[in-house]
Structures are given as structure tokens and as C-alpha cells.
Amino acid sequence: MPFTVYAIRSQSRNYTYIGMSSELEVRIKRHNQGKNKTTRAYAPFDLIYTRSFETRTEARNHEKYLKTGQGRAFLKSIQNRP
């Protein structure tokens, strides 16, 4: 089962959440329904980035990268593309 690393951006506030899931659609739905304590106050969200990996370890390493300064700069750069 592939693992997907994703980033979602709040539609109403300046907040980006980076996570990982093997069931992306279910996970995004839970974020938007306010069922995740961490993101509840920032819902609703737009999906801004996804990348799939074969193993949990690869996905976790990419998730950690996106949470660094370089990773966040990368996400910001793809959001500003025309």
C-alpha cells in the first residue's frame, strides 16, 4: 500500500499542514470536517501538494524534509506558480 505525503493550506488563515497517509481522501475529509484536533481551527483546506512513496520510511523522510525551512520554501514556491 503506497503512502502519500501531502500539504494542505487553510482557506481562511495563514496555515499550512504537512502530513502523511495511506488513505489520502479519507484523511483530507477528516481535516475539512474538523475531526483532527491540530487542524480543526484552520479548516477548510485546499490540497496544495502530494507525493506518493512505496514505503512508510521513504514517506516519513520526505514529510520531515517538507517540515524544514528548505521544504517549506519549496511548498511556498509551488504555491506562487502561475
PDB file of N, CA and C in Angstrom:
ATOM      1  N   MET A   1       0.844  -1.180   0.000  1.00  0.00           N
ATOM      2  CA  MET A   1       0.000   0.000   0.000  1.00  0.00           C
ATOM      3  C   MET A   1       0.886   1.240   0.000  1.00  0.00           C
ATOM      4  N   PRO A   2       0.679   2.127  -0.974  1.00  0.00           N
ATOM      5  CA  PRO A   2       1.513   3.339  -1.035  1.00  0.00           C
ATOM      6  C   PRO A   2       1.139   4.344   0.064  1.00  0.00           C
ATOM      7  N   PHE A   3       2.111   5.132   0.431  1.00  0.00           N
ATOM      8  CA  PHE A   3       1.913   6.206   1.403  1.00  0.00           C
ATOM      9  C   PHE A   3       2.051   7.527   0.675  1.00  0.00           C
ATOM     10  N   THR A   4       1.174   8.461   0.987  1.00  0.00           N
ATOM     11  CA  THR A   4       1.197   9.765   0.338  1.00  0.00           C
ATOM     12  C   THR A   4       1.534  10.849   1.345  1.00  0.00           C
ATOM     13  N   VAL A   5       2.523  11.650   1.006  1.00  0.00           N
ATOM     14  CA  VAL A   5       2.851  12.834   1.791  1.00  0.00           C
ATOM     15  C   VAL A   5       2.056  13.968   1.167  1.00  0.00           C
ATOM     16  N   TYR A   6       1.443  14.783   2.005  1.00  0.00           N
ATOM     17  CA  TYR A   6       0.584  15.846   1.477  1.00  0.00           C
ATOM     18  C   TYR A   6       0.772  17.138   2.267  1.00  0.00           C
ATOM     19  N   ALA A   7       0.386  18.229   1.628  1.00  0.00           N
ATOM     20  CA  ALA A   7       0.354  19.532   2.301  1.00  0.00           C
ATOM     21  C   ALA A   7      -0.999  20.148   1.995  1.00  0.00           C
ATOM     22  N   ILE A   8      -1.629  20.674   3.030  1.00  0.00           N
ATOM     23  CA  ILE A   8      -2.903  21.365   2.859  1.00  0.00           C
ATOM     24  C   ILE A   8      -2.761  22.781   3.393  1.00  0.00           C
ATOM     25  N   ARG A   9      -3.471  23.686   2.772  1.00  0.00           N
ATOM     26  CA  ARG A   9      -3.399  25.103   3.142  1.00  0.00           C
ATOM     27  C   ARG A   9      -4.775  25.573   3.568  1.00  0.00           C
ATOM     28  N   SER A  10      -4.849  26.246   4.691  1.00  0.00           N
ATOM     29  CA  SER A  10      -6.110  26.785   5.185  1.00  0.00           C
ATOM     30  C   SER A  10      -6.648  27.830   4.209  1.00  0.00           C
ATOM     31  N   GLN A  11      -7.948  27.783   3.970  1.00  0.00           N
ATOM     32  CA  GLN A  11      -8.585  28.764   3.090  1.00  0.00           C
ATOM     33  C   GLN A  11      -8.794  30.107   3.793  1.00  0.00           C
ATOM     34  N   SER A  12      -8.812  30.085   5.127  1.00  0.00           N
ATOM     35  CA  SER A  12      -9.142  31.308   5.856  1.00  0.00           C
ATOM     36  C   SER A  12      -7.993  31.923   6.652  1.00  0.00           C
ATOM     37  N   ARG A  13      -6.941  31.144   6.911  1.00  0.00           N
ATOM     38  CA  ARG A  13      -5.837  31.649   7.727  1.00  0.00           C
ATOM     39  C   ARG A  13      -4.502  31.257   7.107  1.00  0.00           C
ATOM     40  N   ASN A  14      -3.453  31.902   7.556  1.00  0.00           N
ATOM     41  CA  ASN A  14      -2.115  31.626   7.036  1.00  0.00           C
ATOM     42  C   ASN A  14      -1.542  30.402   7.749  1.00  0.00           C
ATOM     43  N   TYR A  15      -1.950  29.222   7.292  1.00  0.00           N
ATOM     44  CA  TYR A  15      -1.553  27.984   7.959  1.00  0.00           C
ATOM     45  C   TYR A  15      -1.431  26.868   6.927  1.00  0.00           C
ATOM     46  N   THR A  16      -0.316  26.161   6.960  1.00  0.00           N
ATOM     47  CA  THR A  16      -0.093  25.005   6.097  1.00  0.00           C
ATOM     48  C   THR A  16       0.217  23.808   6.980  1.00  0.00           C
ATOM     49  N   TYR A  17      -0.454  22.701   6.709  1.00  0.00           N
ATOM     50  CA  TYR A  17      -0.241  21.461   7.459  1.00  0.00           C
ATOM     51  C   TYR A  17       0.389  20.438   6.530  1.00  0.00           C
ATOM     52  N   ILE A  18       1.408  19.747   7.008  1.00  0.00           N
ATOM     53  CA  ILE A  18       2.101  18.714   6.243  1.00  0.00           C
ATOM     54  C   ILE A  18       1.901  17.390   6.964  1.00  0.00           C
ATOM     55  N   GLY A  19       1.464  16.372   6.213  1.00  0.00           N
ATOM     56  CA  GLY A  19       1.217  15.081   6.834  1.00  0.00           C
ATOM     57  C   GLY A  19       1.450  13.934   5.866  1.00  0.00           C
ATOM     58  N   MET A  20       1.102  12.739   6.322  1.00  0.00           N
ATOM     59  CA  MET A  20       1.311  11.529   5.544  1.00  0.00           C
ATOM     60  C   MET A  20       0.140  10.593   5.820  1.00  0.00           C
ATOM     61  N   SER A  21      -0.305   9.871   4.785  1.00  0.00           N
ATOM     62  CA  SER A  21      -1.420   8.949   4.963  1.00  0.00           C
ATOM     63  C   SER A  21      -1.401   7.875   3.899  1.00  0.00           C
ATOM     64  N   SER A  22      -1.973   6.727   4.233  1.00  0.00           N
ATOM     65  CA  SER A  22      -2.153   5.679   3.230  1.00  0.00           C
ATOM     66  C   SER A  22      -3.559   5.759   2.638  1.00  0.00           C
ATOM     67  N   GLU A  23      -4.402   6.629   3.190  1.00  0.00           N
ATOM     68  CA  GLU A  23      -5.759   6.866   2.684  1.00  0.00           C
ATOM     69  C   GLU A  23      -5.975   8.368   2.581  1.00  0.00           C
ATOM     70  N   LEU A  24      -5.407   8.972   1.559  1.00  0.00           N
ATOM     71  CA  LEU A  24      -5.385  10.431   1.441  1.00  0.00           C
ATOM     72  C   LEU A  24      -6.777  11.059   1.432  1.00  0.00           C
ATOM     73  N   GLU A  25      -7.689  10.534   0.622  1.00  0.00           N
ATOM     74  CA  GLU A  25      -9.016  11.149   0.520  1.00  0.00           C
ATOM     75  C   GLU A  25      -9.735  11.163   1.861  1.00  0.00           C
ATOM     76  N   VAL A  26      -9.645  10.067   2.600  1.00  0.00           N
ATOM     77  CA  VAL A  26     -10.271   9.981   3.925  1.00  0.00           C
ATOM     78  C   VAL A  26      -9.623  10.987   4.871  1.00  0.00           C
ATOM     79  N   ARG A  27      -8.316  11.082   4.817  1.00  0.00           N
ATOM     80  CA  ARG A  27      -7.574  11.989   5.706  1.00  0.00           C
ATOM     81  C   ARG A  27      -7.930  13.451   5.444  1.00  0.00           C
ATOM     82  N   ILE A  28      -7.982  13.839   4.167  1.00  0.00           N
ATOM     83  CA  ILE A  28      -8.334  15.222   3.829  1.00  0.00           C
ATOM     84  C   ILE A  28      -9.763  15.536   4.282  1.00  0.00           C
ATOM     85  N   LYS A  29     -10.657  14.584   4.084  1.00  0.00           N
ATOM     86  CA  LYS A  29     -12.045  14.764   4.513  1.00  0.00           C
ATOM     87  C   LYS A  29     -12.119  14.998   6.024  1.00  0.00           C
ATOM     88  N   ARG A  30     -11.327  14.230   6.783  1.00  0.00           N
ATOM     89  CA  ARG A  30     -11.313  14.394   8.238  1.00  0.00           C
ATOM     90  C   ARG A  30     -10.776  15.779   8.639  1.00  0.00           C
ATOM     91  N   HIS A  31      -9.755  16.248   7.942  1.00  0.00           N
ATOM     92  CA  HIS A  31      -9.245  17.599   8.214  1.00  0.00           C
ATOM     93  C   HIS A  31     -10.350  18.633   7.971  1.00  0.00           C
ATOM     94  N   ASN A  32     -11.034  18.527   6.848  1.00  0.00           N
ATOM     95  CA  ASN A  32     -12.053  19.514   6.485  1.00  0.00           C
ATOM     96  C   ASN A  32     -13.302  19.439   7.359  1.00  0.00           C
ATOM     97  N   GLN A  33     -13.544  18.288   7.967  1.00  0.00           N
ATOM     98  CA  GLN A  33     -14.699  18.133   8.863  1.00  0.00           C
ATOM     99  C   GLN A  33     -14.370  18.540  10.305  1.00  0.00           C
ATOM    100  N   GLY A  34     -13.118  18.933  10.547  1.00  0.00           N
ATOM    101  CA  GLY A  34     -12.728  19.347  11.893  1.00  0.00           C
ATOM    102  C   GLY A  34     -12.518  18.192  12.847  1.00  0.00           C
ATOM    103  N   LYS A  35     -12.244  17.004  12.326  1.00  0.00           N
ATOM    104  CA  LYS A  35     -12.064  15.825  13.176  1.00  0.00           C
ATOM    105  C   LYS A  35     -10.617  15.617  13.612  1.00  0.00           C
ATOM    106  N   ASN A  36      -9.727  16.519  13.207  1.00  0.00           N
ATOM    107  CA  ASN A  36      -8.329  16.450  13.620  1.00  0.00           C
ATOM    108  C   ASN A  36      -8.067  17.632  14.543  1.00  0.00           C
ATOM    109  N   LYS A  37      -7.683  17.349  15.770  1.00  0.00           N
ATOM    110  CA  LYS A  37      -7.513  18.394  16.787  1.00  0.00           C
ATOM    111  C   LYS A  37      -6.525  19.486  16.350  1.00  0.00           C
ATOM    112  N   THR A  38      -5.421  19.072  15.731  1.00  0.00           N
ATOM    113  CA  THR A  38      -4.375  20.020  15.343  1.00  0.00           C
ATOM    114  C   THR A  38      -4.853  21.023  14.302  1.00  0.00           C
ATOM    115  N   THR A  39      -5.691  20.581  13.380  1.00  0.00           N
ATOM    116  CA  THR A  39      -6.075  21.444  12.259  1.00  0.00           C
ATOM    117  C   THR A  39      -7.501  21.986  12.363  1.00  0.00           C
ATOM    118  N   ARG A  40      -8.256  21.586  13.365  1.00  0.00           N
ATOM    119  CA  ARG A  40      -9.673  21.960  13.485  1.00  0.00           C
ATOM    120  C   ARG A  40      -9.916  23.472  13.322  1.00  0.00           C
ATOM    121  N   ALA A  41      -9.117  24.288  13.972  1.00  0.00           N
ATOM    122  CA  ALA A  41      -9.336  25.744  13.959  1.00  0.00           C
ATOM    123  C   ALA A  41      -9.029  26.391  12.604  1.00  0.00           C
ATOM    124  N   TYR A  42      -8.378  25.648  11.714  1.00  0.00           N
ATOM    125  CA  TYR A  42      -7.940  26.221  10.441  1.00  0.00           C
ATOM    126  C   TYR A  42      -8.759  25.758   9.238  1.00  0.00           C
ATOM    127  N   ALA A  43      -9.692  24.841   9.436  1.00  0.00           N
ATOM    128  CA  ALA A  43     -10.496  24.305   8.331  1.00  0.00           C
ATOM    129  C   ALA A  43     -11.366  25.415   7.753  1.00  0.00           C
ATOM    130  N   PRO A  44     -11.727  25.334   6.490  1.00  0.00           N
ATOM    131  CA  PRO A  44     -11.471  24.290   5.495  1.00  0.00           C
ATOM    132  C   PRO A  44     -10.107  24.470   4.811  1.00  0.00           C
ATOM    133  N   PHE A  45      -9.698  23.418   4.110  1.00  0.00           N
ATOM    134  CA  PHE A  45      -8.373  23.375   3.488  1.00  0.00           C
ATOM    135  C   PHE A  45      -8.435  23.113   1.993  1.00  0.00           C
ATOM    136  N   ASP A  46      -7.372  23.542   1.317  1.00  0.00           N
ATOM    137  CA  ASP A  46      -7.119  23.182  -0.078  1.00  0.00           C
ATOM    138  C   ASP A  46      -5.885  22.292  -0.095  1.00  0.00           C
ATOM    139  N   LEU A  47      -5.937  21.228  -0.892  1.00  0.00           N
ATOM    140  CA  LEU A  47      -4.782  20.353  -1.058  1.00  0.00           C
ATOM    141  C   LEU A  47      -3.819  21.047  -2.013  1.00  0.00           C
ATOM    142  N   ILE A  48      -2.578  21.285  -1.576  1.00  0.00           N
ATOM    143  CA  ILE A  48      -1.627  22.017  -2.416  1.00  0.00           C
ATOM    144  C   ILE A  48      -0.473  21.161  -2.906  1.00  0.00           C
ATOM    145  N   TYR A  49      -0.277  19.955  -2.313  1.00  0.00           N
ATOM    146  CA  TYR A  49       0.870  19.140  -2.716  1.00  0.00           C
ATOM    147  C   TYR A  49       0.644  17.693  -2.312  1.00  0.00           C
ATOM    148  N   THR A  50       1.018  16.767  -3.201  1.00  0.00           N
ATOM    149  CA  THR A  50       1.034  15.344  -2.863  1.00  0.00           C
ATOM    150  C   THR A  50       2.223  14.680  -3.545  1.00  0.00           C
ATOM    151  N   ARG A  51       2.724  13.648  -2.902  1.00  0.00           N
ATOM    152  CA  ARG A  51       3.756  12.809  -3.499  1.00  0.00           C
ATOM    153  C   ARG A  51       3.661  11.432  -2.843  1.00  0.00           C
ATOM    154  N   SER A  52       3.606  10.389  -3.662  1.00  0.00           N
ATOM    155  CA  SER A  52       3.440   9.033  -3.157  1.00  0.00           C
ATOM    156  C   SER A  52       4.766   8.282  -3.080  1.00  0.00           C
ATOM    157  N   PHE A  53       4.839   7.378  -2.106  1.00  0.00           N
ATOM    158  CA  PHE A  53       6.027   6.559  -1.873  1.00  0.00           C
ATOM    159  C   PHE A  53       5.598   5.129  -1.615  1.00  0.00           C
ATOM    160  N   GLU A  54       6.475   4.192  -1.951  1.00  0.00           N
ATOM    161  CA  GLU A  54       6.184   2.774  -1.748  1.00  0.00           C
ATOM    162  C   GLU A  54       6.286   2.359  -0.287  1.00  0.00           C
ATOM    163  N   THR A  55       7.187   2.987   0.456  1.00  0.00           N
ATOM    164  CA  THR A  55       7.363   2.585   1.855  1.00  0.00           C
ATOM    165  C   THR A  55       7.066   3.735   2.812  1.00  0.00           C
ATOM    166  N   ARG A  56       6.676   3.367   4.016  1.00  0.00           N
ATOM    167  CA  ARG A  56       6.405   4.355   5.060  1.00  0.00           C
ATOM    168  C   ARG A  56       7.671   5.151   5.401  1.00  0.00           C
ATOM    169  N   THR A  57       8.811   4.474   5.401  1.00  0.00           N
ATOM    170  CA  THR A  57      10.078   5.136   5.727  1.00  0.00           C
ATOM    171  C   THR A  57      10.401   6.238   4.725  1.00  0.00           C
ATOM    172  N   GLU A  58      10.253   5.953   3.436  1.00  0.00           N
ATOM    173  CA  GLU A  58      10.511   6.972   2.408  1.00  0.00           C
ATOM    174  C   GLU A  58       9.556   8.154   2.585  1.00  0.00           C
ATOM    175  N   ALA A  59       8.290   7.843   2.837  1.00  0.00           N
ATOM    176  CA  ALA A  59       7.286   8.903   3.011  1.00  0.00           C
ATOM    177  C   ALA A  59       7.612   9.749   4.236  1.00  0.00           C
ATOM    178  N   ARG A  60       7.972   9.109   5.322  1.00  0.00           N
ATOM    179  CA  ARG A  60       8.283   9.840   6.561  1.00  0.00           C
ATOM    180  C   ARG A  60       9.489  10.750   6.374  1.00  0.00           C
ATOM    181  N   ASN A  61      10.496  10.269   5.649  1.00  0.00           N
ATOM    182  CA  ASN A  61      11.671  11.099   5.385  1.00  0.00           C
ATOM    183  C   ASN A  61      11.304  12.326   4.560  1.00  0.00           C
ATOM    184  N   HIS A  62      10.427  12.156   3.580  1.00  0.00           N
ATOM    185  CA  HIS A  62      10.013  13.300   2.757  1.00  0.00           C
ATOM    186  C   HIS A  62       9.162  14.265   3.586  1.00  0.00           C
ATOM    187  N   GLU A  63       8.301  13.727   4.433  1.00  0.00           N
ATOM    188  CA  GLU A  63       7.482  14.571   5.310  1.00  0.00           C
ATOM    189  C   GLU A  63       8.392  15.416   6.214  1.00  0.00           C
ATOM    190  N   LYS A  64       9.416  14.791   6.775  1.00  0.00           N
ATOM    191  CA  LYS A  64      10.368  15.522   7.633  1.00  0.00           C
ATOM    192  C   LYS A  64      11.061  16.630   6.839  1.00  0.00           C
ATOM    193  N   TYR A  65      11.441  16.324   5.588  1.00  0.00           N
ATOM    194  CA  TYR A  65      12.080  17.341   4.747  1.00  0.00           C
ATOM    195  C   TYR A  65      11.153  18.536   4.533  1.00  0.00           C
ATOM    196  N   LEU A  66       9.882  18.267   4.213  1.00  0.00           N
ATOM    197  CA  LEU A  66       8.944  19.362   3.959  1.00  0.00           C
ATOM    198  C   LEU A  66       8.735  20.238   5.187  1.00  0.00           C
ATOM    199  N   LYS A  67       8.994  19.709   6.360  1.00  0.00           N
ATOM    200  CA  LYS A  67       8.820  20.478   7.594  1.00  0.00           C
ATOM    201  C   LYS A  67      10.054  21.299   7.956  1.00  0.00           C
ATOM    202  N   THR A  68      11.118  21.191   7.148  1.00  0.00           N
ATOM    203  CA  THR A  68      12.311  22.020   7.362  1.00  0.00           C
ATOM    204  C   THR A  68      12.113  23.363   6.661  1.00  0.00           C
ATOM    205  N   GLY A  69      13.028  24.273   6.882  1.00  0.00           N
ATOM    206  CA  GLY A  69      12.977  25.574   6.204  1.00  0.00           C
ATOM    207  C   GLY A  69      13.027  25.423   4.690  1.00  0.00           C
ATOM    208  N   GLN A  70      13.899  24.545   4.200  1.00  0.00           N
ATOM    209  CA  GLN A  70      14.007  24.317   2.752  1.00  0.00           C
ATOM    210  C   GLN A  70      12.711  23.736   2.193  1.00  0.00           C
ATOM    211  N   GLY A  71      12.153  22.777   2.916  1.00  0.00           N
ATOM    212  CA  GLY A  71      10.908  22.149   2.467  1.00  0.00           C
ATOM    213  C   GLY A  71       9.758  23.132   2.430  1.00  0.00           C
ATOM    214  N   ARG A  72       9.658  23.965   3.456  1.00  0.00           N
ATOM    215  CA  ARG A  72       8.584  24.974   3.481  1.00  0.00           C
ATOM    216  C   ARG A  72       8.781  26.014   2.374  1.00  0.00           C
ATOM    217  N   ALA A  73      10.038  26.350   2.080  1.00  0.00           N
ATOM    218  CA  ALA A  73      10.324  27.279   0.977  1.00  0.00           C
ATOM    219  C   ALA A  73       9.898  26.647  -0.344  1.00  0.00           C
ATOM    220  N   PHE A  74      10.138  25.347  -0.514  1.00  0.00           N
ATOM    221  CA  PHE A  74       9.715  24.637  -1.713  1.00  0.00           C
ATOM    222  C   PHE A  74       8.183  24.710  -1.848  1.00  0.00           C
ATOM    223  N   LEU A  75       7.454  24.432  -0.775  1.00  0.00           N
ATOM    224  CA  LEU A  75       5.988  24.488  -0.838  1.00  0.00           C
ATOM    225  C   LEU A  75       5.499  25.894  -1.173  1.00  0.00           C
ATOM    226  N   LYS A  76       6.151  26.877  -0.609  1.00  0.00           N
ATOM    227  CA  LYS A  76       5.773  28.262  -0.892  1.00  0.00           C
ATOM    228  C   LYS A  76       6.018  28.585  -2.367  1.00  0.00           C
ATOM    229  N   SER A  77       7.120  28.091  -2.912  1.00  0.00           N
ATOM    230  CA  SER A  77       7.455  28.375  -4.313  1.00  0.00           C
ATOM    231  C   SER A  77       6.443  27.735  -5.272  1.00  0.00           C
ATOM    232  N   ILE A  78       5.948  26.547  -4.951  1.00  0.00           N
ATOM    233  CA  ILE A  78       4.982  25.918  -5.871  1.00  0.00           C
ATOM    234  C   ILE A  78       3.604  26.565  -5.751  1.00  0.00           C
ATOM    235  N   GLN A  79       3.312  27.185  -4.610  1.00  0.00           N
ATOM    236  CA  GLN A  79       2.036  27.888  -4.456  1.00  0.00           C
ATOM    237  C   GLN A  79       2.008  29.190  -5.258  1.00  0.00           C
ATOM    238  N   ASN A  80       3.178  29.760  -5.478  1.00  0.00           N
ATOM    239  CA  ASN A  80       3.253  31.042  -6.173  1.00  0.00           C
ATOM    240  C   ASN A  80       3.393  30.922  -7.681  1.00  0.00           C
ATOM    241  N   ARG A  81       3.360  29.690  -8.191  1.00  0.00           N
ATOM    242  CA  ARG A  81       3.447  29.498  -9.635  1.00  0.00           C
ATOM    243  C   ARG A  81       2.159  29.947 -10.302  1.00  0.00           C
ATOM    244  N   PRO A  82       2.277  30.502 -11.519  1.00  0.00           N
ATOM    245  CA  PRO A  82       1.057  30.946 -12.231  1.00  0.00           C
ATOM    246  C   PRO A  82       0.194  29.781 -12.670  1.00  0.00           C
TER     247      PRO A  82
END
